[in-house]
Amino acid sequence: MTATNRVFAWTVATGESLVAFMVVWLLAARLMDLFLVEPLSAVAAMAVALAAGILTITVEGFRRSAQLRRVTSPPSA
């Protein structure tokens, strides 16, 4: 796998994780407002969103790298 493919895989994973972060942050902020007091609900929503973003970039980055490694590997003779 070339460096270009590796950068491509992790760039796509970064974009996906940013989308996941934003969606989870919006949903968690609404849900946390129902159960927690004001300053704590925002902090809890941000913590949940950060965890979701980090998990997404890790899983998707490794998955896409492995997928490209399989596709670009030379055929065995």
N, C-alpha and C. Protein backbone atom coordinates (compact mmCIF):
# COMPACT_ATOMS: atom_id res chain seq x y z
N MET A 1 0.85 -1.17 0.00
CA MET A 1 0.00 0.00 0.00
C MET A 1 0.90 1.24 0.00
N THR A 2 0.59 2.16 -0.86
CA THR A 2 1.39 3.36 -0.96
C THR A 2 0.98 4.38 0.10
N ALA A 3 1.84 5.37 0.27
CA ALA A 3 1.54 6.42 1.24
C ALA A 3 0.30 7.20 0.84
N THR A 4 0.09 7.35 -0.45
CA THR A 4 -1.10 8.07 -0.93
C THR A 4 -2.38 7.34 -0.52
N ASN A 5 -2.38 6.04 -0.65
CA ASN A 5 -3.56 5.25 -0.26
C ASN A 5 -3.79 5.34 1.25
N ARG A 6 -2.70 5.32 2.00
CA ARG A 6 -2.83 5.41 3.45
C ARG A 6 -3.41 6.77 3.86
N VAL A 7 -2.92 7.84 3.24
CA VAL A 7 -3.45 9.18 3.53
C VAL A 7 -4.91 9.27 3.13
N PHE A 8 -5.25 8.71 1.98
CA PHE A 8 -6.64 8.71 1.52
C PHE A 8 -7.54 7.99 2.54
N ALA A 9 -7.12 6.82 2.99
CA ALA A 9 -7.94 6.05 3.93
C ALA A 9 -8.19 6.81 5.22
N TRP A 10 -7.14 7.42 5.77
CA TRP A 10 -7.29 8.13 7.03
C TRP A 10 -8.00 9.46 6.86
N THR A 11 -7.90 10.07 5.69
CA THR A 11 -8.63 11.32 5.44
C THR A 11 -10.14 11.06 5.37
N VAL A 12 -10.51 10.00 4.69
CA VAL A 12 -11.93 9.63 4.62
C VAL A 12 -12.44 9.27 6.02
N ALA A 13 -11.64 8.55 6.77
CA ALA A 13 -12.05 8.19 8.14
C ALA A 13 -12.20 9.43 9.01
N THR A 14 -11.35 10.43 8.81
CA THR A 14 -11.45 11.67 9.57
C THR A 14 -12.75 12.40 9.25
N GLY A 15 -13.11 12.45 7.98
CA GLY A 15 -14.37 13.07 7.58
C GLY A 15 -15.57 12.36 8.18
N GLU A 16 -15.52 11.04 8.15
CA GLU A 16 -16.63 10.27 8.73
C GLU A 16 -16.72 10.49 10.24
N SER A 17 -15.57 10.58 10.89
CA SER A 17 -15.60 10.77 12.34
C SER A 17 -16.10 12.16 12.71
N LEU A 18 -15.82 13.16 11.89
CA LEU A 18 -16.34 14.50 12.16
C LEU A 18 -17.86 14.54 12.02
N VAL A 19 -18.38 13.84 11.03
CA VAL A 19 -19.83 13.76 10.88
C VAL A 19 -20.44 13.04 12.08
N ALA A 20 -19.83 11.93 12.48
CA ALA A 20 -20.34 11.19 13.64
C ALA A 20 -20.28 12.06 14.90
N PHE A 21 -19.20 12.81 15.06
CA PHE A 21 -19.06 13.71 16.20
C PHE A 21 -20.19 14.73 16.25
N MET A 22 -20.46 15.36 15.10
CA MET A 22 -21.49 16.40 15.06
C MET A 22 -22.88 15.84 15.35
N VAL A 23 -23.20 14.71 14.74
CA VAL A 23 -24.52 14.12 14.93
C VAL A 23 -24.71 13.67 16.38
N VAL A 24 -23.70 13.00 16.92
CA VAL A 24 -23.80 12.53 18.31
C VAL A 24 -23.87 13.71 19.27
N TRP A 25 -23.12 14.77 18.99
CA TRP A 25 -23.14 15.95 19.85
C TRP A 25 -24.53 16.57 19.88
N LEU A 26 -25.16 16.70 18.72
CA LEU A 26 -26.51 17.28 18.68
C LEU A 26 -27.52 16.41 19.43
N LEU A 27 -27.48 15.11 19.17
CA LEU A 27 -28.42 14.21 19.84
C LEU A 27 -28.16 14.13 21.34
N ALA A 28 -26.89 14.01 21.71
CA ALA A 28 -26.56 13.89 23.14
C ALA A 28 -26.90 15.18 23.88
N ALA A 29 -26.72 16.32 23.25
CA ALA A 29 -27.06 17.59 23.92
C ALA A 29 -28.56 17.66 24.22
N ARG A 30 -29.38 17.22 23.28
CA ARG A 30 -30.83 17.23 23.52
C ARG A 30 -31.21 16.25 24.63
N LEU A 31 -30.62 15.06 24.58
CA LEU A 31 -30.96 14.05 25.59
C LEU A 31 -30.43 14.41 26.97
N MET A 32 -29.22 14.93 27.03
CA MET A 32 -28.64 15.28 28.33
C MET A 32 -29.39 16.44 28.98
N ASP A 33 -29.96 17.33 28.19
CA ASP A 33 -30.74 18.43 28.75
C ASP A 33 -31.97 17.93 29.50
N LEU A 34 -32.48 16.78 29.11
CA LEU A 34 -33.65 16.22 29.78
C LEU A 34 -33.32 15.65 31.15
N PHE A 35 -32.10 15.16 31.33
CA PHE A 35 -31.76 14.43 32.54
C PHE A 35 -30.79 15.14 33.48
N LEU A 36 -29.98 16.08 32.96
CA LEU A 36 -28.95 16.72 33.79
C LEU A 36 -29.17 18.22 33.85
N VAL A 37 -28.55 18.85 34.82
CA VAL A 37 -28.62 20.30 34.93
C VAL A 37 -27.75 20.94 33.85
N GLU A 38 -27.95 22.24 33.63
CA GLU A 38 -27.39 22.94 32.47
C GLU A 38 -25.88 22.79 32.26
N PRO A 39 -25.01 23.18 33.16
CA PRO A 39 -23.58 23.10 32.78
C PRO A 39 -23.10 21.66 32.62
N LEU A 40 -23.64 20.78 33.42
CA LEU A 40 -23.21 19.38 33.35
C LEU A 40 -23.69 18.69 32.09
N SER A 41 -24.85 19.07 31.57
CA SER A 41 -25.38 18.43 30.37
C SER A 41 -24.52 18.72 29.15
N ALA A 42 -24.00 19.94 29.04
CA ALA A 42 -23.15 20.29 27.90
C ALA A 42 -21.82 19.54 27.95
N VAL A 43 -21.25 19.42 29.14
CA VAL A 43 -19.98 18.70 29.30
C VAL A 43 -20.17 17.22 29.01
N ALA A 44 -21.25 16.64 29.49
CA ALA A 44 -21.52 15.23 29.24
C ALA A 44 -21.77 14.98 27.76
N ALA A 45 -22.48 15.85 27.09
CA ALA A 45 -22.74 15.69 25.66
C ALA A 45 -21.44 15.78 24.87
N MET A 46 -20.55 16.70 25.23
CA MET A 46 -19.27 16.82 24.56
C MET A 46 -18.41 15.58 24.79
N ALA A 47 -18.43 15.04 25.99
CA ALA A 47 -17.65 13.83 26.29
C ALA A 47 -18.15 12.65 25.47
N VAL A 48 -19.45 12.50 25.37
CA VAL A 48 -20.02 11.41 24.58
C VAL A 48 -19.67 11.60 23.10
N ALA A 49 -19.76 12.82 22.61
CA ALA A 49 -19.45 13.09 21.21
C ALA A 49 -17.97 12.86 20.91
N LEU A 50 -17.09 13.25 21.80
CA LEU A 50 -15.66 13.01 21.60
C LEU A 50 -15.35 11.51 21.57
N ALA A 51 -15.97 10.77 22.47
CA ALA A 51 -15.76 9.32 22.48
C ALA A 51 -16.24 8.69 21.17
N ALA A 52 -17.39 9.13 20.69
CA ALA A 52 -17.91 8.60 19.44
C ALA A 52 -17.01 8.97 18.26
N GLY A 53 -16.50 10.18 18.24
CA GLY A 53 -15.61 10.60 17.17
C GLY A 53 -14.30 9.84 17.17
N ILE A 54 -13.71 9.65 18.33
CA ILE A 54 -12.45 8.91 18.44
C ILE A 54 -12.65 7.45 18.07
N LEU A 55 -13.74 6.87 18.51
CA LEU A 55 -14.03 5.48 18.15
C LEU A 55 -14.24 5.34 16.64
N THR A 56 -14.95 6.27 16.05
CA THR A 56 -15.21 6.21 14.61
C THR A 56 -13.94 6.35 13.80
N ILE A 57 -13.08 7.30 14.14
CA ILE A 57 -11.86 7.48 13.35
C ILE A 57 -10.94 6.28 13.50
N THR A 58 -10.89 5.68 14.67
CA THR A 58 -10.03 4.52 14.87
C THR A 58 -10.54 3.32 14.08
N VAL A 59 -11.79 3.01 14.23
CA VAL A 59 -12.36 1.83 13.55
C VAL A 59 -12.34 2.01 12.04
N GLU A 60 -12.81 3.15 11.57
CA GLU A 60 -12.89 3.37 10.12
C GLU A 60 -11.51 3.51 9.48
N GLY A 61 -10.57 4.13 10.17
CA GLY A 61 -9.22 4.28 9.63
C GLY A 61 -8.56 2.93 9.41
N PHE A 62 -8.62 2.08 10.42
CA PHE A 62 -8.02 0.76 10.27
C PHE A 62 -8.79 -0.10 9.26
N ARG A 63 -10.11 0.04 9.24
CA ARG A 63 -10.91 -0.75 8.30
C ARG A 63 -10.61 -0.34 6.87
N ARG A 64 -10.55 0.95 6.61
CA ARG A 64 -10.28 1.42 5.25
C ARG A 64 -8.84 1.12 4.83
N SER A 65 -7.90 1.21 5.74
CA SER A 65 -6.52 0.87 5.42
C SER A 65 -6.41 -0.61 5.05
N ALA A 66 -7.06 -1.46 5.81
CA ALA A 66 -7.02 -2.89 5.51
C ALA A 66 -7.71 -3.18 4.18
N GLN A 67 -8.80 -2.48 3.92
CA GLN A 67 -9.53 -2.67 2.67
C GLN A 67 -8.66 -2.27 1.48
N LEU A 68 -7.98 -1.15 1.55
CA LEU A 68 -7.10 -0.73 0.47
C LEU A 68 -5.87 -1.63 0.36
N ARG A 69 -5.39 -2.15 1.46
CA ARG A 69 -4.25 -3.06 1.43
C ARG A 69 -4.61 -4.32 0.67
N ARG A 70 -5.83 -4.83 0.87
CA ARG A 70 -6.28 -6.01 0.14
C ARG A 70 -6.42 -5.75 -1.34
N VAL A 71 -6.95 -4.58 -1.70
CA VAL A 71 -7.20 -4.25 -3.09
C VAL A 71 -5.90 -4.00 -3.84
N THR A 72 -4.96 -3.31 -3.22
CA THR A 72 -3.74 -2.90 -3.91
C THR A 72 -2.59 -3.89 -3.77
N SER A 73 -2.77 -4.95 -3.01
CA SER A 73 -1.68 -5.92 -2.86
C SER A 73 -1.50 -6.67 -4.19
N PRO A 74 -0.26 -6.99 -4.52
CA PRO A 74 -0.02 -7.70 -5.77
C PRO A 74 -0.60 -9.11 -5.70
N PRO A 75 -1.09 -9.63 -6.80
CA PRO A 75 -1.66 -10.98 -6.80
C PRO A 75 -0.58 -12.02 -6.54
N SER A 76 -0.95 -13.02 -5.79
CA SER A 76 0.01 -14.09 -5.51
C SER A 76 0.09 -15.03 -6.70
N ALA A 77 1.31 -15.42 -7.04
CA ALA A 77 1.51 -16.25 -8.23
C ALA A 77 1.40 -17.71 -7.94
